[in-house]
Structures are given as structure tokens and as C-alpha cells.
Amino acid sequence: MDKIWNEMYEAAKAVRNERRISDYITCGEVSAAILSGSGRIYTGVCIDTASTLGICAERNAIFNMITNGESIIKRVLAILPDGKSGAPCGACRELIVQLMPDSYKSVEIMMDMEKGSIATMGELTPEWWISY
């Protein structure tokens, strides 16, 4: 495991803060770190609402990256509620594909930090509707 994955894990861990914001909103159960094309790490947390207005930690981190003027993702790491890492959901994968339609397959995803298991978006999402 290289130093960057460890930095990403620590960055995601630092923003993870499970809490209730109101009777209708909780957040921080999942946190994520994105490594951008420039090498900068962007973070985000999930925000869950009583309706469909919530957002995943990975998309929140990607939007943070976009807000800061970048649009290339190299790596994605998410810390799940049980403290382990795992793959992004379909909505997060969809955003990555649409953001980088010609190069999304090379994005690295930390599947299991403890085991050092890494997959690419191409392995997780070999063909997507936008690819045709």
C-alpha cells in the first residue's frame, strides 16, 4: 500500500463524524476521499435526509473537487459505517462515468484498506450506457 492511500484514508477518517443535524437529517456515517488529477485530496461525508435529497460521501467529495476547479479523479476511497472501506454505489459510479467518459475505467477504487485490495472502475463498471 502506498503513502497516498494512507493519506486518503486519514483525510476521510478526519471528516467522519456521525451526527444528527435535525429530526430529518443525519450525516457523517460514511466519509470519502478523492485523489484529483493534480494530486490534491478532497473529502466529503454522506448526508442522509428523510427524502431523496441526501448525497453519498463520494459524490460530496467529487462535488468539492469540482467546486475547486478540478475534474479529473485518480483514486476513490470511502470509509463505510463499520469503519471498513468499500466500493462506491451505482449513483457515484454514474457520476464518475459522466465526469470522465473517456477515462473513467482507470480510476482506482480502494475496495478493502485492511487487505490492500484495489479495483479499477473498469473492473467494477466494465460497460456503461455512456460507453456506446
N, C-alpha and C. Protein backbone atom coordinates (compact mmCIF):
# COMPACT_ATOMS: atom_id res chain seq x y z
N MET A 1 0.85 -1.18 0.00
CA MET A 1 0.00 0.00 0.00
C MET A 1 0.89 1.24 0.00
N ASP A 2 0.61 2.15 -0.89
CA ASP A 2 1.47 3.33 -0.95
C ASP A 2 1.00 4.44 -0.01
N LYS A 3 1.85 5.41 0.14
CA LYS A 3 1.64 6.52 1.08
C LYS A 3 0.35 7.31 0.77
N ILE A 4 0.04 7.48 -0.52
CA ILE A 4 -1.14 8.27 -0.90
C ILE A 4 -2.43 7.63 -0.39
N TRP A 5 -2.56 6.30 -0.51
CA TRP A 5 -3.76 5.64 0.02
C TRP A 5 -3.90 5.90 1.52
N ASN A 6 -2.78 5.85 2.23
CA ASN A 6 -2.82 6.12 3.68
C ASN A 6 -3.23 7.56 3.96
N GLU A 7 -2.73 8.50 3.16
CA GLU A 7 -3.12 9.91 3.33
C GLU A 7 -4.61 10.09 3.04
N MET A 8 -5.09 9.42 2.02
CA MET A 8 -6.52 9.50 1.69
C MET A 8 -7.36 8.92 2.83
N TYR A 9 -6.93 7.79 3.35
CA TYR A 9 -7.67 7.15 4.45
C TYR A 9 -7.73 8.08 5.66
N GLU A 10 -6.60 8.67 6.00
CA GLU A 10 -6.56 9.58 7.16
C GLU A 10 -7.42 10.82 6.91
N ALA A 11 -7.43 11.33 5.69
CA ALA A 11 -8.25 12.50 5.35
C ALA A 11 -9.74 12.17 5.48
N ALA A 12 -10.13 11.00 4.97
CA ALA A 12 -11.53 10.58 5.08
C ALA A 12 -11.92 10.33 6.54
N LYS A 13 -11.02 9.73 7.27
CA LYS A 13 -11.27 9.45 8.69
C LYS A 13 -11.43 10.75 9.49
N ALA A 14 -10.67 11.77 9.12
CA ALA A 14 -10.70 13.05 9.83
C ALA A 14 -12.04 13.77 9.70
N VAL A 15 -12.75 13.58 8.59
CA VAL A 15 -14.04 14.27 8.42
C VAL A 15 -15.23 13.41 8.83
N ARG A 16 -14.99 12.14 9.10
CA ARG A 16 -16.08 11.24 9.50
C ARG A 16 -16.53 11.63 10.91
N ASN A 17 -17.80 11.98 11.00
CA ASN A 17 -18.34 12.45 12.28
C ASN A 17 -19.84 12.20 12.26
N GLU A 18 -20.23 10.99 12.61
CA GLU A 18 -21.64 10.62 12.57
C GLU A 18 -22.43 11.49 13.55
N ARG A 19 -23.47 12.14 13.02
CA ARG A 19 -24.28 13.00 13.89
C ARG A 19 -25.65 13.26 13.28
N ARG A 20 -26.57 13.70 14.12
CA ARG A 20 -27.90 14.09 13.69
C ARG A 20 -27.92 15.61 13.60
N ILE A 21 -28.33 16.12 12.43
CA ILE A 21 -28.40 17.56 12.20
C ILE A 21 -29.77 18.10 12.62
N SER A 22 -30.81 17.33 12.29
CA SER A 22 -32.18 17.68 12.67
C SER A 22 -32.97 16.39 12.77
N ASP A 23 -34.27 16.51 13.01
CA ASP A 23 -35.12 15.31 13.05
C ASP A 23 -35.14 14.59 11.71
N TYR A 24 -34.70 15.26 10.66
CA TYR A 24 -34.81 14.73 9.31
C TYR A 24 -33.47 14.44 8.62
N ILE A 25 -32.39 14.89 9.21
CA ILE A 25 -31.08 14.77 8.55
C ILE A 25 -30.03 14.21 9.50
N THR A 26 -29.33 13.18 9.01
CA THR A 26 -28.13 12.68 9.68
C THR A 26 -26.98 12.80 8.68
N CYS A 27 -25.77 12.76 9.20
CA CYS A 27 -24.62 12.83 8.29
C CYS A 27 -23.40 12.19 8.93
N GLY A 28 -22.40 11.97 8.09
CA GLY A 28 -21.10 11.51 8.57
C GLY A 28 -20.96 10.03 8.83
N GLU A 29 -21.98 9.23 8.53
CA GLU A 29 -21.86 7.79 8.74
C GLU A 29 -20.84 7.19 7.78
N VAL A 30 -20.74 7.80 6.60
CA VAL A 30 -19.75 7.40 5.59
C VAL A 30 -18.95 8.65 5.23
N SER A 31 -17.65 8.47 5.04
CA SER A 31 -16.81 9.58 4.58
C SER A 31 -16.00 9.09 3.40
N ALA A 32 -15.51 10.02 2.59
CA ALA A 32 -14.76 9.64 1.40
C ALA A 32 -13.64 10.63 1.13
N ALA A 33 -12.65 10.13 0.40
CA ALA A 33 -11.55 10.97 -0.08
C ALA A 33 -11.34 10.66 -1.56
N ILE A 34 -11.15 11.71 -2.33
CA ILE A 34 -10.91 11.62 -3.77
C ILE A 34 -9.52 12.18 -4.03
N LEU A 35 -8.71 11.46 -4.80
CA LEU A 35 -7.44 12.00 -5.25
C LEU A 35 -7.66 12.56 -6.65
N SER A 36 -7.42 13.85 -6.81
CA SER A 36 -7.66 14.51 -8.09
C SER A 36 -6.45 14.37 -9.01
N GLY A 37 -6.64 14.81 -10.23
CA GLY A 37 -5.57 14.78 -11.22
C GLY A 37 -4.36 15.60 -10.82
N SER A 38 -4.57 16.64 -10.02
CA SER A 38 -3.45 17.48 -9.57
C SER A 38 -2.72 16.89 -8.37
N GLY A 39 -3.29 15.82 -7.80
CA GLY A 39 -2.69 15.20 -6.62
C GLY A 39 -3.27 15.69 -5.31
N ARG A 40 -4.25 16.58 -5.39
CA ARG A 40 -4.90 17.09 -4.19
C ARG A 40 -5.97 16.10 -3.72
N ILE A 41 -6.15 16.01 -2.41
CA ILE A 41 -7.16 15.13 -1.82
C ILE A 41 -8.36 15.98 -1.40
N TYR A 42 -9.53 15.58 -1.86
CA TYR A 42 -10.79 16.23 -1.49
C TYR A 42 -11.62 15.24 -0.69
N THR A 43 -12.33 15.75 0.32
CA THR A 43 -13.13 14.88 1.17
C THR A 43 -14.60 15.26 1.13
N GLY A 44 -15.42 14.35 1.64
CA GLY A 44 -16.85 14.59 1.77
C GLY A 44 -17.45 13.57 2.72
N VAL A 45 -18.62 13.87 3.21
CA VAL A 45 -19.37 12.93 4.05
C VAL A 45 -20.75 12.71 3.44
N CYS A 46 -21.36 11.61 3.82
CA CYS A 46 -22.73 11.37 3.36
C CYS A 46 -23.67 12.28 4.15
N ILE A 47 -24.74 12.66 3.51
CA ILE A 47 -25.80 13.42 4.16
C ILE A 47 -27.10 12.70 3.83
N ASP A 48 -27.74 12.12 4.84
CA ASP A 48 -28.97 11.37 4.65
C ASP A 48 -30.16 12.18 5.14
N THR A 49 -31.17 12.25 4.27
CA THR A 49 -32.36 13.02 4.61
C THR A 49 -33.59 12.13 4.61
N ALA A 50 -34.69 12.66 5.11
CA ALA A 50 -35.95 11.91 5.16
C ALA A 50 -36.57 11.77 3.78
N SER A 51 -36.03 12.45 2.80
CA SER A 51 -36.50 12.33 1.41
C SER A 51 -35.29 11.97 0.54
N THR A 52 -35.40 12.14 -0.73
CA THR A 52 -34.31 11.76 -1.64
C THR A 52 -33.29 12.88 -1.85
N LEU A 53 -33.24 13.84 -0.95
CA LEU A 53 -32.32 14.96 -1.11
C LEU A 53 -30.91 14.69 -0.60
N GLY A 54 -30.67 13.52 -0.03
CA GLY A 54 -29.36 13.21 0.51
C GLY A 54 -28.31 12.99 -0.56
N ILE A 55 -27.08 12.79 -0.11
CA ILE A 55 -25.97 12.59 -1.04
C ILE A 55 -24.92 11.69 -0.40
N CYS A 56 -24.31 10.88 -1.22
CA CYS A 56 -23.24 9.98 -0.76
C CYS A 56 -21.96 10.76 -0.50
N ALA A 57 -21.12 10.20 0.34
CA ALA A 57 -19.84 10.83 0.67
C ALA A 57 -18.95 10.98 -0.56
N GLU A 58 -18.93 9.97 -1.43
CA GLU A 58 -18.09 10.03 -2.62
C GLU A 58 -18.52 11.17 -3.54
N ARG A 59 -19.83 11.30 -3.78
CA ARG A 59 -20.29 12.39 -4.64
C ARG A 59 -20.04 13.74 -3.99
N ASN A 60 -20.20 13.81 -2.68
CA ASN A 60 -19.92 15.05 -1.97
C ASN A 60 -18.45 15.45 -2.15
N ALA A 61 -17.55 14.47 -2.06
CA ALA A 61 -16.12 14.74 -2.27
C ALA A 61 -15.84 15.16 -3.72
N ILE A 62 -16.52 14.50 -4.66
CA ILE A 62 -16.34 14.86 -6.08
C ILE A 62 -16.84 16.27 -6.33
N PHE A 63 -17.98 16.64 -5.75
CA PHE A 63 -18.51 17.99 -5.92
C PHE A 63 -17.57 19.01 -5.29
N ASN A 64 -16.95 18.65 -4.17
CA ASN A 64 -15.95 19.52 -3.54
C ASN A 64 -14.79 19.74 -4.52
N MET A 65 -14.35 18.67 -5.16
CA MET A 65 -13.27 18.76 -6.15
C MET A 65 -13.68 19.67 -7.31
N ILE A 66 -14.89 19.47 -7.83
CA ILE A 66 -15.37 20.29 -8.94
C ILE A 66 -15.49 21.75 -8.52
N THR A 67 -15.99 21.99 -7.33
CA THR A 67 -16.11 23.35 -6.80
C THR A 67 -14.75 24.05 -6.79
N ASN A 68 -13.70 23.27 -6.56
CA ASN A 68 -12.35 23.82 -6.51
C ASN A 68 -11.64 23.80 -7.87
N GLY A 69 -12.41 23.63 -8.95
CA GLY A 69 -11.88 23.80 -10.29
C GLY A 69 -11.26 22.58 -10.94
N GLU A 70 -11.42 21.41 -10.35
CA GLU A 70 -10.82 20.21 -10.94
C GLU A 70 -11.91 19.27 -11.45
N SER A 71 -11.52 18.37 -12.36
CA SER A 71 -12.50 17.43 -12.91
C SER A 71 -11.92 16.06 -13.22
N ILE A 72 -10.70 15.80 -12.80
CA ILE A 72 -10.07 14.51 -13.04
C ILE A 72 -9.92 13.78 -11.71
N ILE A 73 -10.41 12.53 -11.68
CA ILE A 73 -10.29 11.68 -10.49
C ILE A 73 -9.28 10.59 -10.77
N LYS A 74 -8.36 10.38 -9.85
CA LYS A 74 -7.38 9.30 -9.96
C LYS A 74 -7.74 8.13 -9.05
N ARG A 75 -8.20 8.47 -7.82
CA ARG A 75 -8.49 7.43 -6.83
C ARG A 75 -9.70 7.82 -5.99
N VAL A 76 -10.39 6.79 -5.49
CA VAL A 76 -11.56 6.98 -4.61
C VAL A 76 -11.43 6.02 -3.43
N LEU A 77 -11.65 6.56 -2.24
CA LEU A 77 -11.65 5.75 -1.02
C LEU A 77 -12.82 6.19 -0.17
N ALA A 78 -13.62 5.23 0.28
CA ALA A 78 -14.75 5.52 1.17
C ALA A 78 -14.62 4.69 2.44
N ILE A 79 -14.93 5.32 3.57
CA ILE A 79 -14.99 4.60 4.84
C ILE A 79 -16.46 4.41 5.18
N LEU A 80 -16.88 3.17 5.27
CA LEU A 80 -18.28 2.80 5.50
C LEU A 80 -18.63 2.86 6.98
N PRO A 81 -19.92 2.74 7.33
CA PRO A 81 -20.32 2.83 8.74
C PRO A 81 -19.60 1.86 9.67
N ASP A 82 -19.19 0.69 9.16
CA ASP A 82 -18.49 -0.28 10.00
C ASP A 82 -16.99 0.01 10.13
N GLY A 83 -16.53 1.12 9.51
CA GLY A 83 -15.13 1.50 9.59
C GLY A 83 -14.25 0.91 8.51
N LYS A 84 -14.83 0.05 7.68
CA LYS A 84 -14.06 -0.56 6.59
C LYS A 84 -14.26 0.24 5.31
N SER A 85 -13.43 -0.01 4.33
CA SER A 85 -13.57 0.67 3.04
C SER A 85 -14.38 -0.21 2.09
N GLY A 86 -14.93 0.43 1.05
CA GLY A 86 -15.74 -0.32 0.10
C GLY A 86 -15.98 0.45 -1.18
N ALA A 87 -16.65 -0.20 -2.11
CA ALA A 87 -16.89 0.35 -3.44
C ALA A 87 -18.00 1.40 -3.44
N PRO A 88 -17.92 2.35 -4.36
CA PRO A 88 -18.99 3.35 -4.49
C PRO A 88 -20.27 2.71 -5.03
N CYS A 89 -21.39 3.30 -4.69
CA CYS A 89 -22.69 2.82 -5.16
C CYS A 89 -22.88 3.16 -6.64
N GLY A 90 -23.98 2.73 -7.21
CA GLY A 90 -24.26 2.98 -8.61
C GLY A 90 -24.35 4.45 -8.97
N ALA A 91 -24.96 5.26 -8.11
CA ALA A 91 -25.08 6.69 -8.39
C ALA A 91 -23.70 7.35 -8.42
N CYS A 92 -22.82 6.95 -7.52
CA CYS A 92 -21.47 7.51 -7.51
C CYS A 92 -20.68 7.07 -8.73
N ARG A 93 -20.84 5.81 -9.11
CA ARG A 93 -20.18 5.31 -10.32
C ARG A 93 -20.69 6.06 -11.54
N GLU A 94 -21.99 6.31 -11.58
CA GLU A 94 -22.59 7.04 -12.70
C GLU A 94 -21.97 8.42 -12.83
N LEU A 95 -21.80 9.11 -11.72
CA LEU A 95 -21.20 10.45 -11.75
C LEU A 95 -19.77 10.38 -12.29
N ILE A 96 -19.00 9.41 -11.83
CA ILE A 96 -17.61 9.27 -12.29
C ILE A 96 -17.58 9.01 -13.79
N VAL A 97 -18.46 8.12 -14.26
CA VAL A 97 -18.50 7.82 -15.70
C VAL A 97 -18.85 9.07 -16.50
N GLN A 98 -19.86 9.81 -16.06
CA GLN A 98 -20.26 11.00 -16.80
C GLN A 98 -19.21 12.10 -16.73
N LEU A 99 -18.49 12.19 -15.62
CA LEU A 99 -17.45 13.20 -15.47
C LEU A 99 -16.25 12.90 -16.37
N MET A 100 -15.93 11.61 -16.50
CA MET A 100 -14.74 11.20 -17.24
C MET A 100 -15.08 10.08 -18.22
N PRO A 101 -15.95 10.33 -19.19
CA PRO A 101 -16.43 9.25 -20.06
C PRO A 101 -15.35 8.52 -20.84
N ASP A 102 -14.26 9.18 -21.15
CA ASP A 102 -13.20 8.56 -21.93
C ASP A 102 -12.10 7.93 -21.09
N SER A 103 -12.11 8.20 -19.78
CA SER A 103 -11.00 7.70 -18.96
C SER A 103 -11.43 7.16 -17.60
N TYR A 104 -12.74 7.00 -17.37
CA TYR A 104 -13.20 6.55 -16.05
C TYR A 104 -12.69 5.16 -15.67
N LYS A 105 -12.43 4.32 -16.66
CA LYS A 105 -12.04 2.94 -16.36
C LYS A 105 -10.72 2.84 -15.62
N SER A 106 -9.88 3.86 -15.67
CA SER A 106 -8.58 3.81 -14.99
C SER A 106 -8.64 4.32 -13.55
N VAL A 107 -9.77 4.86 -13.11
CA VAL A 107 -9.89 5.35 -11.74
C VAL A 107 -9.75 4.18 -10.77
N GLU A 108 -8.86 4.33 -9.80
CA GLU A 108 -8.64 3.27 -8.81
C GLU A 108 -9.59 3.42 -7.63
N ILE A 109 -10.14 2.30 -7.18
CA ILE A 109 -11.07 2.27 -6.06
C ILE A 109 -10.49 1.39 -4.96
N MET A 110 -10.40 1.92 -3.75
CA MET A 110 -9.94 1.11 -2.62
C MET A 110 -11.12 0.25 -2.16
N MET A 111 -11.00 -1.03 -2.38
CA MET A 111 -12.07 -1.97 -2.02
C MET A 111 -11.96 -2.40 -0.56
N ASP A 112 -10.75 -2.68 -0.12
CA ASP A 112 -10.53 -3.16 1.25
C ASP A 112 -9.18 -2.65 1.73
N MET A 113 -9.21 -1.63 2.55
CA MET A 113 -7.98 -1.00 3.03
C MET A 113 -7.14 -1.98 3.85
N GLU A 114 -7.79 -2.81 4.67
CA GLU A 114 -7.06 -3.76 5.51
C GLU A 114 -6.25 -4.74 4.67
N LYS A 115 -6.83 -5.19 3.57
CA LYS A 115 -6.17 -6.17 2.70
C LYS A 115 -5.38 -5.52 1.57
N GLY A 116 -5.56 -4.22 1.40
CA GLY A 116 -4.89 -3.53 0.30
C GLY A 116 -5.48 -3.90 -1.05
N SER A 117 -6.76 -4.25 -1.07
CA SER A 117 -7.44 -4.67 -2.29
C SER A 117 -7.94 -3.45 -3.06
N ILE A 118 -7.43 -3.31 -4.29
CA ILE A 118 -7.77 -2.17 -5.14
C ILE A 118 -8.36 -2.71 -6.44
N ALA A 119 -9.42 -2.06 -6.91
CA ALA A 119 -10.02 -2.38 -8.21
C ALA A 119 -10.07 -1.10 -9.02
N THR A 120 -10.25 -1.23 -10.30
CA THR A 120 -10.44 -0.05 -11.14
C THR A 120 -11.93 0.08 -11.45
N MET A 121 -12.32 1.28 -11.83
CA MET A 121 -13.71 1.48 -12.27
C MET A 121 -14.01 0.61 -13.47
N GLY A 122 -13.02 0.35 -14.31
CA GLY A 122 -13.21 -0.53 -15.46
C GLY A 122 -13.55 -1.95 -15.04
N GLU A 123 -12.98 -2.40 -13.93
CA GLU A 123 -13.31 -3.73 -13.42
C GLU A 123 -14.69 -3.74 -12.78
N LEU A 124 -15.01 -2.67 -12.04
CA LEU A 124 -16.31 -2.60 -11.37
C LEU A 124 -17.44 -2.26 -12.34
N THR A 125 -17.13 -1.46 -13.32
CA THR A 125 -18.13 -0.95 -14.27
C THR A 125 -17.56 -1.07 -15.69
N PRO A 126 -17.47 -2.33 -16.19
CA PRO A 126 -16.78 -2.54 -17.46
C PRO A 126 -17.49 -1.90 -18.67
N GLU A 127 -18.79 -1.89 -18.65
CA GLU A 127 -19.53 -1.26 -19.74
C GLU A 127 -20.66 -0.47 -19.12
N TRP A 128 -20.84 0.73 -19.58
CA TRP A 128 -21.86 1.61 -19.05
C TRP A 128 -22.61 2.19 -20.24
N TRP A 129 -23.80 2.66 -20.05
CA TRP A 129 -24.61 3.14 -21.17
C TRP A 129 -23.92 4.24 -21.97
N ILE A 130 -23.11 5.04 -21.30
CA ILE A 130 -22.43 6.15 -21.97
C ILE A 130 -21.31 5.66 -22.89
N SER A 131 -20.89 4.41 -22.70
CA SER A 131 -19.78 3.86 -23.48
C SER A 131 -20.19 3.50 -24.90
N TYR A 132 -21.48 3.49 -25.19
CA TYR A 132 -21.95 3.05 -26.51
C TYR A 132 -22.19 4.20 -27.44
